[in-house]
Amino acid sequence: PASFKDSNGDGWGDLPGLISEMDYLHDLGVDVVWVSP
């Protein structure tokens, strides 16, 4: 998550950033999202 998508410009990836790319993962063909700590 620290490196996936930063939604607020603080340089650190976050959950809102991950949520914003759900369609990308779904379109890729992903069935399960595993989130590191």
Full PDB file with SEQRES, HELIX, SHEET, SSBOND, CRYST1, ORIGX, SCALE, CONECT and MASTER records, all heavy atoms in Angstrom:
SEQRES   1 A   37  PRO ALA SER PHE LYS ASP SER ASN GLY ASP GLY TRP GLY          
SEQRES   2 A   37  ASP LEU PRO GLY LEU ILE SER GLU MET ASP TYR LEU HIS          
SEQRES   3 A   37  ASP LEU GLY VAL ASP VAL VAL TRP VAL SER PRO                  
HELIX    1 AA1 LEU A   15  SER A   20  1                                   6    
HELIX    2 AA2 MET A   22  LEU A   28  1                                   7    
CRYST1    1.000    1.000    1.000  90.00  90.00  90.00 P 1           1          
ORIGX1      1.000000  0.000000  0.000000        0.00000                         
ORIGX2      0.000000  1.000000  0.000000        0.00000                         
ORIGX3      0.000000  0.000000  1.000000        0.00000                         
SCALE1      1.000000  0.000000  0.000000        0.00000                         
SCALE2      0.000000  1.000000  0.000000        0.00000                         
SCALE3      0.000000  0.000000  1.000000        0.00000                         
ATOM      1  N   PRO A   1       0.789  -1.242   0.000  1.00  0.00           N  
ATOM      2  CA  PRO A   1       0.000   0.000   0.000  1.00  0.00           C  
ATOM      3  C   PRO A   1       0.814   1.282   0.000  1.00  0.00           C  
ATOM      4  O   PRO A   1       0.381   2.281  -0.583  1.00  0.00           O  
ATOM      5  CB  PRO A   1      -0.861  -0.124   1.263  1.00  0.00           C  
ATOM      6  CG  PRO A   1      -0.190  -1.171   2.092  1.00  0.00           C  
ATOM      7  CD  PRO A   1       0.469  -2.094   1.152  1.00  0.00           C  
ATOM      8  N   ALA A   2       1.986   1.294   0.621  1.00  0.00           N  
ATOM      9  CA  ALA A   2       2.787   2.526   0.632  1.00  0.00           C  
ATOM     10  C   ALA A   2       3.190   2.942  -0.772  1.00  0.00           C  
ATOM     11  O   ALA A   2       3.437   4.133  -1.027  1.00  0.00           O  
ATOM     12  CB  ALA A   2       4.037   2.327   1.491  1.00  0.00           C  
ATOM     13  N   SER A   3       3.228   1.975  -1.690  1.00  0.00           N  
ATOM     14  CA  SER A   3       3.745   2.241  -3.034  1.00  0.00           C  
ATOM     15  C   SER A   3       2.718   2.083  -4.143  1.00  0.00           C  
ATOM     16  O   SER A   3       3.075   2.157  -5.313  1.00  0.00           O  
ATOM     17  CB  SER A   3       4.926   1.293  -3.316  1.00  0.00           C  
ATOM     18  OG  SER A   3       5.950   1.469  -2.377  1.00  0.00           O  
ATOM     19  N   PHE A   4       1.452   1.888  -3.805  1.00  0.00           N  
ATOM     20  CA  PHE A   4       0.465   1.614  -4.851  1.00  0.00           C  
ATOM     21  C   PHE A   4      -0.137   2.894  -5.427  1.00  0.00           C  
ATOM     22  O   PHE A   4      -0.002   3.173  -6.612  1.00  0.00           O  
ATOM     23  CB  PHE A   4      -0.620   0.693  -4.321  1.00  0.00           C  
ATOM     24  CG  PHE A   4      -1.533   0.158  -5.400  1.00  0.00           C  
ATOM     25  CD1 PHE A   4      -1.040  -0.687  -6.382  1.00  0.00           C  
ATOM     26  CD2 PHE A   4      -2.877   0.499  -5.431  1.00  0.00           C  
ATOM     27  CE1 PHE A   4      -1.864  -1.190  -7.386  1.00  0.00           C  
ATOM     28  CE2 PHE A   4      -3.713   0.009  -6.424  1.00  0.00           C  
ATOM     29  CZ  PHE A   4      -3.207  -0.836  -7.404  1.00  0.00           C  
ATOM     30  N   LYS A   5      -0.820   3.680  -4.596  1.00  0.00           N  
ATOM     31  CA  LYS A   5      -1.445   4.910  -5.101  1.00  0.00           C  
ATOM     32  C   LYS A   5      -1.666   5.878  -3.945  1.00  0.00           C  
ATOM     33  O   LYS A   5      -2.282   5.524  -2.936  1.00  0.00           O  
ATOM     34  CB  LYS A   5      -2.783   4.586  -5.783  1.00  0.00           C  
ATOM     35  CG  LYS A   5      -3.452   5.756  -6.505  1.00  0.00           C  
ATOM     36  CD  LYS A   5      -2.653   6.192  -7.718  1.00  0.00           C  
ATOM     37  CE  LYS A   5      -3.320   7.312  -8.509  1.00  0.00           C  
ATOM     38  NZ  LYS A   5      -4.497   6.859  -9.273  1.00  0.00           N  
ATOM     39  N   ASP A   6      -1.153   7.084  -4.109  1.00  0.00           N  
ATOM     40  CA  ASP A   6      -1.259   8.128  -3.093  1.00  0.00           C  
ATOM     41  C   ASP A   6      -2.397   9.060  -3.469  1.00  0.00           C  
ATOM     42  O   ASP A   6      -2.333   9.741  -4.496  1.00  0.00           O  
ATOM     43  CB  ASP A   6       0.078   8.868  -3.012  1.00  0.00           C  
ATOM     44  CG  ASP A   6       0.021  10.109  -2.135  1.00  0.00           C  
ATOM     45  OD1 ASP A   6      -0.909  10.221  -1.328  1.00  0.00           O  
ATOM     46  OD2 ASP A   6       0.931  10.955  -2.266  1.00  0.00           O  
ATOM     47  N   SER A   7      -3.414   9.134  -2.634  1.00  0.00           N  
ATOM     48  CA  SER A   7      -4.598   9.930  -2.977  1.00  0.00           C  
ATOM     49  C   SER A   7      -4.505  11.383  -2.519  1.00  0.00           C  
ATOM     50  O   SER A   7      -5.287  12.226  -2.975  1.00  0.00           O  
ATOM     51  CB  SER A   7      -5.849   9.302  -2.354  1.00  0.00           C  
ATOM     52  OG  SER A   7      -5.846   9.462  -0.934  1.00  0.00           O  
ATOM     53  N   ASN A   8      -3.586  11.686  -1.598  1.00  0.00           N  
ATOM     54  CA  ASN A   8      -3.582  13.035  -1.022  1.00  0.00           C  
ATOM     55  C   ASN A   8      -2.268  13.780  -1.188  1.00  0.00           C  
ATOM     56  O   ASN A   8      -2.080  14.848  -0.601  1.00  0.00           O  
ATOM     57  CB  ASN A   8      -3.964  12.978   0.463  1.00  0.00           C  
ATOM     58  CG  ASN A   8      -3.012  12.103   1.272  1.00  0.00           C  
ATOM     59  OD1 ASN A   8      -1.971  11.679   0.788  1.00  0.00           O  
ATOM     60  ND2 ASN A   8      -3.405  11.819   2.515  1.00  0.00           N  
ATOM     61  N   GLY A   9      -1.346  13.249  -1.962  1.00  0.00           N  
ATOM     62  CA  GLY A   9      -0.133  13.969  -2.283  1.00  0.00           C  
ATOM     63  C   GLY A   9       0.894  14.062  -1.179  1.00  0.00           C  
ATOM     64  O   GLY A   9       1.783  14.918  -1.235  1.00  0.00           O  
ATOM     65  N   ASP A  10       0.815  13.177  -0.165  1.00  0.00           N  
ATOM     66  CA  ASP A  10       1.810  13.233   0.904  1.00  0.00           C  
ATOM     67  C   ASP A  10       3.005  12.320   0.638  1.00  0.00           C  
ATOM     68  O   ASP A  10       3.911  12.218   1.467  1.00  0.00           O  
ATOM     69  CB  ASP A  10       1.178  12.906   2.257  1.00  0.00           C  
ATOM     70  CG  ASP A  10       0.679  11.462   2.365  1.00  0.00           C  
ATOM     71  OD1 ASP A  10       0.753  10.717   1.357  1.00  0.00           O  
ATOM     72  OD2 ASP A  10       0.214  11.087   3.453  1.00  0.00           O  
ATOM     73  N   GLY A  11       3.010  11.647  -0.528  1.00  0.00           N  
ATOM     74  CA  GLY A  11       4.135  10.790  -0.881  1.00  0.00           C  
ATOM     75  C   GLY A  11       4.022   9.365  -0.398  1.00  0.00           C  
ATOM     76  O   GLY A  11       4.931   8.556  -0.632  1.00  0.00           O  
ATOM     77  N   TRP A  12       2.926   9.055   0.270  1.00  0.00           N  
ATOM     78  CA  TRP A  12       2.734   7.730   0.869  1.00  0.00           C  
ATOM     79  C   TRP A  12       1.429   7.150   0.329  1.00  0.00           C  
ATOM     80  O   TRP A  12       0.380   7.778   0.443  1.00  0.00           O  
ATOM     81  CB  TRP A  12       2.671   7.881   2.392  1.00  0.00           C  
ATOM     82  CG  TRP A  12       2.737   6.612   3.180  1.00  0.00           C  
ATOM     83  CD1 TRP A  12       1.680   5.899   3.672  1.00  0.00           C  
ATOM     84  CD2 TRP A  12       3.911   5.916   3.617  1.00  0.00           C  
ATOM     85  NE1 TRP A  12       2.127   4.801   4.364  1.00  0.00           N  
ATOM     86  CE2 TRP A  12       3.496   4.791   4.356  1.00  0.00           C  
ATOM     87  CE3 TRP A  12       5.278   6.140   3.448  1.00  0.00           C  
ATOM     88  CZ2 TRP A  12       4.402   3.889   4.927  1.00  0.00           C  
ATOM     89  CZ3 TRP A  12       6.173   5.241   4.022  1.00  0.00           C  
ATOM     90  CH2 TRP A  12       5.732   4.134   4.745  1.00  0.00           C  
ATOM     91  N   GLY A  13       1.488   5.979  -0.267  1.00  0.00           N  
ATOM     92  CA  GLY A  13       0.267   5.353  -0.761  1.00  0.00           C  
ATOM     93  C   GLY A  13      -0.727   5.124   0.356  1.00  0.00           C  
ATOM     94  O   GLY A  13      -0.362   5.027   1.534  1.00  0.00           O  
ATOM     95  N   ASP A  14      -2.004   5.021  -0.002  1.00  0.00           N  
ATOM     96  CA  ASP A  14      -3.023   4.924   1.038  1.00  0.00           C  
ATOM     97  C   ASP A  14      -4.225   4.119   0.561  1.00  0.00           C  
ATOM     98  O   ASP A  14      -4.332   3.746  -0.615  1.00  0.00           O  
ATOM     99  CB  ASP A  14      -3.445   6.320   1.494  1.00  0.00           C  
ATOM    100  CG  ASP A  14      -3.763   7.255   0.337  1.00  0.00           C  
ATOM    101  OD1 ASP A  14      -4.462   6.823  -0.609  1.00  0.00           O  
ATOM    102  OD2 ASP A  14      -3.315   8.423   0.366  1.00  0.00           O  
ATOM    103  N   LEU A  15      -5.122   3.853   1.491  1.00  0.00           N  
ATOM    104  CA  LEU A  15      -6.309   3.050   1.185  1.00  0.00           C  
ATOM    105  C   LEU A  15      -7.245   3.751   0.204  1.00  0.00           C  
ATOM    106  O   LEU A  15      -7.741   3.103  -0.727  1.00  0.00           O  
ATOM    107  CB  LEU A  15      -7.035   2.678   2.478  1.00  0.00           C  
ATOM    108  CG  LEU A  15      -6.314   1.619   3.329  1.00  0.00           C  
ATOM    109  CD1 LEU A  15      -6.918   1.545   4.727  1.00  0.00           C  
ATOM    110  CD2 LEU A  15      -6.364   0.252   2.654  1.00  0.00           C  
ATOM    111  N   PRO A  16      -7.518   5.043   0.347  1.00  0.00           N  
ATOM    112  CA  PRO A  16      -8.338   5.695  -0.682  1.00  0.00           C  
ATOM    113  C   PRO A  16      -7.725   5.572  -2.069  1.00  0.00           C  
ATOM    114  O   PRO A  16      -8.439   5.424  -3.074  1.00  0.00           O  
ATOM    115  CB  PRO A  16      -8.411   7.149  -0.203  1.00  0.00           C  
ATOM    116  CG  PRO A  16      -8.297   7.050   1.283  1.00  0.00           C  
ATOM    117  CD  PRO A  16      -7.300   5.949   1.505  1.00  0.00           C  
ATOM    118  N   GLY A  17      -6.394   5.642  -2.158  1.00  0.00           N  
ATOM    119  CA  GLY A  17      -5.749   5.460  -3.456  1.00  0.00           C  
ATOM    120  C   GLY A  17      -5.985   4.069  -4.007  1.00  0.00           C  
ATOM    121  O   GLY A  17      -6.280   3.901  -5.204  1.00  0.00           O  
ATOM    122  N   LEU A  18      -5.863   3.063  -3.163  1.00  0.00           N  
ATOM    123  CA  LEU A  18      -6.150   1.689  -3.585  1.00  0.00           C  
ATOM    124  C   LEU A  18      -7.599   1.552  -4.025  1.00  0.00           C  
ATOM    125  O   LEU A  18      -7.893   0.970  -5.080  1.00  0.00           O  
ATOM    126  CB  LEU A  18      -5.846   0.729  -2.429  1.00  0.00           C  
ATOM    127  CG  LEU A  18      -6.322  -0.718  -2.575  1.00  0.00           C  
ATOM    128  CD1 LEU A  18      -5.768  -1.368  -3.827  1.00  0.00           C  
ATOM    129  CD2 LEU A  18      -5.946  -1.519  -1.332  1.00  0.00           C  
ATOM    130  N   ILE A  19      -8.511   2.103  -3.261  1.00  0.00           N  
ATOM    131  CA  ILE A  19      -9.937   2.003  -3.587  1.00  0.00           C  
ATOM    132  C   ILE A  19     -10.223   2.644  -4.945  1.00  0.00           C  
ATOM    133  O   ILE A  19     -11.044   2.148  -5.719  1.00  0.00           O  
ATOM    134  CB  ILE A  19     -10.775   2.664  -2.468  1.00  0.00           C  
ATOM    135  CG1 ILE A  19     -10.664   1.832  -1.178  1.00  0.00           C  
ATOM    136  CG2 ILE A  19     -12.233   2.811  -2.886  1.00  0.00           C  
ATOM    137  CD1 ILE A  19     -11.131   2.559   0.068  1.00  0.00           C  
ATOM    138  N   SER A  20      -9.508   3.709  -5.250  1.00  0.00           N  
ATOM    139  CA  SER A  20      -9.747   4.412  -6.516  1.00  0.00           C  
ATOM    140  C   SER A  20      -9.355   3.582  -7.731  1.00  0.00           C  
ATOM    141  O   SER A  20      -9.765   3.902  -8.858  1.00  0.00           O  
ATOM    142  CB  SER A  20      -8.977   5.742  -6.538  1.00  0.00           C  
ATOM    143  OG  SER A  20      -7.573   5.533  -6.697  1.00  0.00           O  
ATOM    144  N   GLU A  21      -8.566   2.526  -7.536  1.00  0.00           N  
ATOM    145  CA  GLU A  21      -8.106   1.708  -8.657  1.00  0.00           C  
ATOM    146  C   GLU A  21      -8.741   0.320  -8.669  1.00  0.00           C  
ATOM    147  O   GLU A  21      -8.218  -0.608  -9.295  1.00  0.00           O  
ATOM    148  CB  GLU A  21      -6.579   1.590  -8.621  1.00  0.00           C  
ATOM    149  CG  GLU A  21      -5.851   2.906  -8.801  1.00  0.00           C  
ATOM    150  CD  GLU A  21      -6.082   3.535 -10.168  1.00  0.00           C  
ATOM    151  OE1 GLU A  21      -6.562   2.828 -11.088  1.00  0.00           O  
ATOM    152  OE2 GLU A  21      -5.794   4.739 -10.329  1.00  0.00           O  
ATOM    153  N   MET A  22      -9.883   0.178  -8.022  1.00  0.00           N  
ATOM    154  CA  MET A  22     -10.565  -1.111  -8.016  1.00  0.00           C  
ATOM    155  C   MET A  22     -10.964  -1.560  -9.423  1.00  0.00           C  
ATOM    156  O   MET A  22     -10.889  -2.750  -9.758  1.00  0.00           O  
ATOM    157  CB  MET A  22     -11.811  -1.060  -7.126  1.00  0.00           C  
ATOM    158  CG  MET A  22     -11.531  -1.180  -5.638  1.00  0.00           C  
ATOM    159  SD  MET A  22     -10.788  -2.764  -5.191  1.00  0.00           S  
ATOM    160  CE  MET A  22      -9.079  -2.244  -4.993  1.00  0.00           C  
ATOM    161  N   ASP A  23     -11.384  -0.632 -10.250  1.00  0.00           N  
ATOM    162  CA  ASP A  23     -11.776  -1.001 -11.609  1.00  0.00           C  
ATOM    163  C   ASP A  23     -10.569  -1.492 -12.414  1.00  0.00           C  
ATOM    164  O   ASP A  23     -10.695  -2.402 -13.244  1.00  0.00           O  
ATOM    165  CB  ASP A  23     -12.447   0.176 -12.318  1.00  0.00           C  
ATOM    166  CG  ASP A  23     -13.852   0.436 -11.797  1.00  0.00           C  
ATOM    167  OD1 ASP A  23     -14.448  -0.489 -11.206  1.00  0.00           O  
ATOM    168  OD2 ASP A  23     -14.343   1.565 -11.974  1.00  0.00           O  
ATOM    169  N   TYR A  24      -9.420  -0.893 -12.168  1.00  0.00           N  
ATOM    170  CA  TYR A  24      -8.200  -1.352 -12.837  1.00  0.00           C  
ATOM    171  C   TYR A  24      -7.920  -2.816 -12.486  1.00  0.00           C  
ATOM    172  O   TYR A  24      -7.627  -3.640 -13.358  1.00  0.00           O  
ATOM    173  CB  TYR A  24      -7.024  -0.466 -12.430  1.00  0.00           C  
ATOM    174  CG  TYR A  24      -5.672  -1.005 -12.850  1.00  0.00           C  
ATOM    175  CD1 TYR A  24      -5.183  -0.791 -14.134  1.00  0.00           C  
ATOM    176  CD2 TYR A  24      -4.881  -1.739 -11.957  1.00  0.00           C  
ATOM    177  CE1 TYR A  24      -3.939  -1.295 -14.528  1.00  0.00           C  
ATOM    178  CE2 TYR A  24      -3.640  -2.240 -12.343  1.00  0.00           C  
ATOM    179  CZ  TYR A  24      -3.180  -2.015 -13.628  1.00  0.00           C  
ATOM    180  OH  TYR A  24      -1.961  -2.522 -14.009  1.00  0.00           O  
ATOM    181  N   LEU A  25      -8.008  -3.146 -11.200  1.00  0.00           N  
ATOM    182  CA  LEU A  25      -7.732  -4.516 -10.765  1.00  0.00           C  
ATOM    183  C   LEU A  25      -8.794  -5.482 -11.272  1.00  0.00           C  
ATOM    184  O   LEU A  25      -8.488  -6.607 -11.688  1.00  0.00           O  
ATOM    185  CB  LEU A  25      -7.638  -4.572  -9.241  1.00  0.00           C  
ATOM    186  CG  LEU A  25      -6.491  -3.768  -8.613  1.00  0.00           C  
ATOM    187  CD1 LEU A  25      -6.505  -3.890  -7.103  1.00  0.00           C  
ATOM    188  CD2 LEU A  25      -5.156  -4.221  -9.171  1.00  0.00           C  
ATOM    189  N   HIS A  26     -10.035  -5.045 -11.271  1.00  0.00           N  
ATOM    190  CA  HIS A  26     -11.110  -5.900 -11.763  1.00  0.00           C  
ATOM    191  C   HIS A  26     -10.941  -6.170 -13.252  1.00  0.00           C  
ATOM    192  O   HIS A  26     -11.122  -7.305 -13.727  1.00  0.00           O  
ATOM    193  CB  HIS A  26     -12.461  -5.242 -11.478  1.00  0.00           C  
ATOM    194  CG  HIS A  26     -13.636  -6.096 -11.832  1.00  0.00           C  
ATOM    195  ND1 HIS A  26     -14.328  -5.967 -13.027  1.00  0.00           N  
ATOM    196  CD2 HIS A  26     -14.228  -7.111 -11.170  1.00  0.00           C  
ATOM    197  CE1 HIS A  26     -15.306  -6.852 -13.070  1.00  0.00           C  
ATOM    198  NE2 HIS A  26     -15.269  -7.570 -11.957  1.00  0.00           N  
ATOM    199  N   ASP A  27     -10.580  -5.141 -13.999  1.00  0.00           N  
ATOM    200  CA  ASP A  27     -10.387  -5.295 -15.439  1.00  0.00           C  
ATOM    201  C   ASP A  27      -9.195  -6.196 -15.749  1.00  0.00           C  
ATOM    202  O   ASP A  27      -9.197  -6.924 -16.747  1.00  0.00           O  
ATOM    203  CB  ASP A  27     -10.177  -3.915 -16.071  1.00  0.00           C  
ATOM    204  CG  ASP A  27     -10.077  -3.983 -17.591  1.00  0.00           C  
ATOM    205  OD1 ASP A  27     -11.002  -4.527 -18.221  1.00  0.00           O  
ATOM    206  OD2 ASP A  27      -9.073  -3.492 -18.144  1.00  0.00           O  
ATOM    207  N   LEU A  28      -8.190  -6.170 -14.894  1.00  0.00           N  
ATOM    208  CA  LEU A  28      -7.034  -7.047 -15.071  1.00  0.00           C  
ATOM    209  C   LEU A  28      -7.419  -8.507 -14.955  1.00  0.00           C  
ATOM    210  O   LEU A  28      -6.846  -9.367 -15.630  1.00  0.00           O  
ATOM    211  CB  LEU A  28      -5.962  -6.689 -14.031  1.00  0.00           C  
ATOM    212  CG  LEU A  28      -4.722  -7.581 -13.956  1.00  0.00           C  
ATOM    213  CD1 LEU A  28      -3.959  -7.587 -15.277  1.00  0.00           C  
ATOM    214  CD2 LEU A  28      -3.812  -7.140 -12.808  1.00  0.00           C  
ATOM    215  N   GLY A  29      -8.403  -8.797 -14.119  1.00  0.00           N  
ATOM    216  CA  GLY A  29      -8.816 -10.184 -13.908  1.00  0.00           C  
ATOM    217  C   GLY A  29      -8.532 -10.678 -12.504  1.00  0.00           C  
ATOM    218  O   GLY A  29      -8.467 -11.882 -12.256  1.00  0.00           O  
ATOM    219  N   VAL A  30      -8.383  -9.741 -11.573  1.00  0.00           N  
ATOM    220  CA  VAL A  30      -8.074 -10.070 -10.184  1.00  0.00           C  
ATOM    221  C   VAL A  30      -9.339 -10.515  -9.458  1.00  0.00           C  
ATOM    222  O   VAL A  30     -10.403  -9.907  -9.601  1.00  0.00           O  
ATOM    223  CB  VAL A  30      -7.454  -8.847  -9.482  1.00  0.00           C  
ATOM    224  CG1 VAL A  30      -7.349  -9.062  -7.982  1.00  0.00           C  
ATOM    225  CG2 VAL A  30      -6.095  -8.540 -10.093  1.00  0.00           C  
ATOM    226  N   ASP A  31      -9.213 -11.562  -8.655  1.00  0.00           N  
ATOM    227  CA  ASP A  31     -10.324 -12.051  -7.842  1.00  0.00           C  
ATOM    228  C   ASP A  31     -10.189 -11.665  -6.372  1.00  0.00           C  
ATOM    229  O   ASP A  31     -11.187 -11.511  -5.677  1.00  0.00           O  
ATOM    230  CB  ASP A  31     -10.405 -13.582  -7.929  1.00  0.00           C  
ATOM    231  CG  ASP A  31     -10.616 -14.068  -9.346  1.00  0.00           C  
ATOM    232  OD1 ASP A  31     -11.602 -13.646  -9.967  1.00  0.00           O  
ATOM    233  OD2 ASP A  31      -9.798 -14.865  -9.845  1.00  0.00           O  
ATOM    234  N   VAL A  32      -8.945 -11.562  -5.906  1.00  0.00           N  
ATOM    235  CA  VAL A  32      -8.700 -11.276  -4.490  1.00  0.00           C  
ATOM    236  C   VAL A  32      -7.587 -10.243  -4.374  1.00  0.00           C  
ATOM    237  O   VAL A  32      -6.537 -10.384  -4.995  1.00  0.00           O  
ATOM    238  CB  VAL A  32      -8.282 -12.548  -3.715  1.00  0.00           C  
ATOM    239  CG1 VAL A  32      -8.151 -12.241  -2.222  1.00  0.00           C  
ATOM    240  CG2 VAL A  32      -9.261 -13.684  -3.942  1.00  0.00           C  
ATOM    241  N   VAL A  33      -7.826  -9.225  -3.559  1.00  0.00           N  
ATOM    242  CA  VAL A  33      -6.810  -8.213  -3.267  1.00  0.00           C  
ATOM    243  C   VAL A  33      -6.198  -8.532  -1.906  1.00  0.00           C  
ATOM    244  O   VAL A  33      -6.901  -8.605  -0.900  1.00  0.00           O  
ATOM    245  CB  VAL A  33      -7.418  -6.798  -3.255  1.00  0.00           C  
ATOM    246  CG1 VAL A  33      -6.356  -5.761  -2.896  1.00  0.00           C  
ATOM    247  CG2 VAL A  33      -8.048  -6.476  -4.604  1.00  0.00           C  
ATOM    248  N   TRP A  34      -4.895  -8.757  -1.903  1.00  0.00           N  
ATOM    249  CA  TRP A  34      -4.155  -8.986  -0.649  1.00  0.00           C  
ATOM    250  C   TRP A  34      -3.425  -7.697  -0.317  1.00  0.00           C  
ATOM    251  O   TRP A  34      -2.593  -7.230  -1.085  1.00  0.00           O  
ATOM    252  CB  TRP A  34      -3.218 -10.170  -0.829  1.00  0.00           C  
ATOM    253  CG  TRP A  34      -1.987 -10.198   0.043  1.00  0.00           C  
ATOM    254  CD1 TRP A  34      -1.788  -9.581   1.247  1.00  0.00           C  
ATOM    255  CD2 TRP A  34      -0.762 -10.886  -0.246  1.00  0.00           C  
ATOM    256  NE1 TRP A  34      -0.526  -9.841   1.719  1.00  0.00           N  
ATOM    257  CE2 TRP A  34       0.125 -10.642   0.835  1.00  0.00           C  
ATOM    258  CE3 TRP A  34      -0.335 -11.694  -1.298  1.00  0.00           C  
ATOM    259  CZ2 TRP A  34       1.412 -11.173   0.878  1.00  0.00           C  
ATOM    260  CZ3 TRP A  34       0.944 -12.215  -1.253  1.00  0.00           C  
ATOM    261  CH2 TRP A  34       1.798 -11.962  -0.171  1.00  0.00           C  
ATOM    262  N   VAL A  35      -3.740  -7.132   0.839  1.00  0.00           N  
ATOM    263  CA  VAL A  35      -3.152  -5.865   1.264  1.00  0.00           C  
ATOM    264  C   VAL A  35      -2.068  -6.132   2.299  1.00  0.00           C  
ATOM    265  O   VAL A  35      -2.330  -6.675   3.371  1.00  0.00           O  
ATOM    266  CB  VAL A  35      -4.222  -4.928   1.857  1.00  0.00           C  
ATOM    267  CG1 VAL A  35      -3.615  -3.556   2.146  1.00  0.00           C  
ATOM    268  CG2 VAL A  35      -5.416  -4.795   0.916  1.00  0.00           C  
ATOM    269  N   SER A  36      -0.840  -5.755   1.978  1.00  0.00           N  
ATOM    270  CA  SER A  36       0.260  -5.880   2.927  1.00  0.00           C  
ATOM    271  C   SER A  36      -0.006  -4.991   4.143  1.00  0.00           C  
ATOM    272  O   SER A  36      -0.890  -4.138   4.112  1.00  0.00           O  
ATOM    273  CB  SER A  36       1.579  -5.525   2.240  1.00  0.00           C  
ATOM    274  OG  SER A  36       1.937  -6.515   1.293  1.00  0.00           O  
ATOM    275  N   PRO A  37       0.738  -5.168   5.240  1.00  0.00           N  
ATOM    276  CA  PRO A  37       0.348  -4.572   6.523  1.00  0.00           C  
ATOM    277  C   PRO A  37       0.001  -3.085   6.479  1.00  0.00           C  
ATOM    278  O   PRO A  37       0.769  -2.272   5.959  1.00  0.00           O  
ATOM    279  CB  PRO A  37       1.569  -4.826   7.407  1.00  0.00           C  
ATOM    280  CG  PRO A  37       2.152  -6.076   6.865  1.00  0.00           C  
ATOM    281  CD  PRO A  37       1.967  -5.965   5.376  1.00  0.00           C  
TER     282      PRO A  37                                                      
MASTER        0    0    0    2    0    0    0    6  281    1    0    3          
END                                                                             
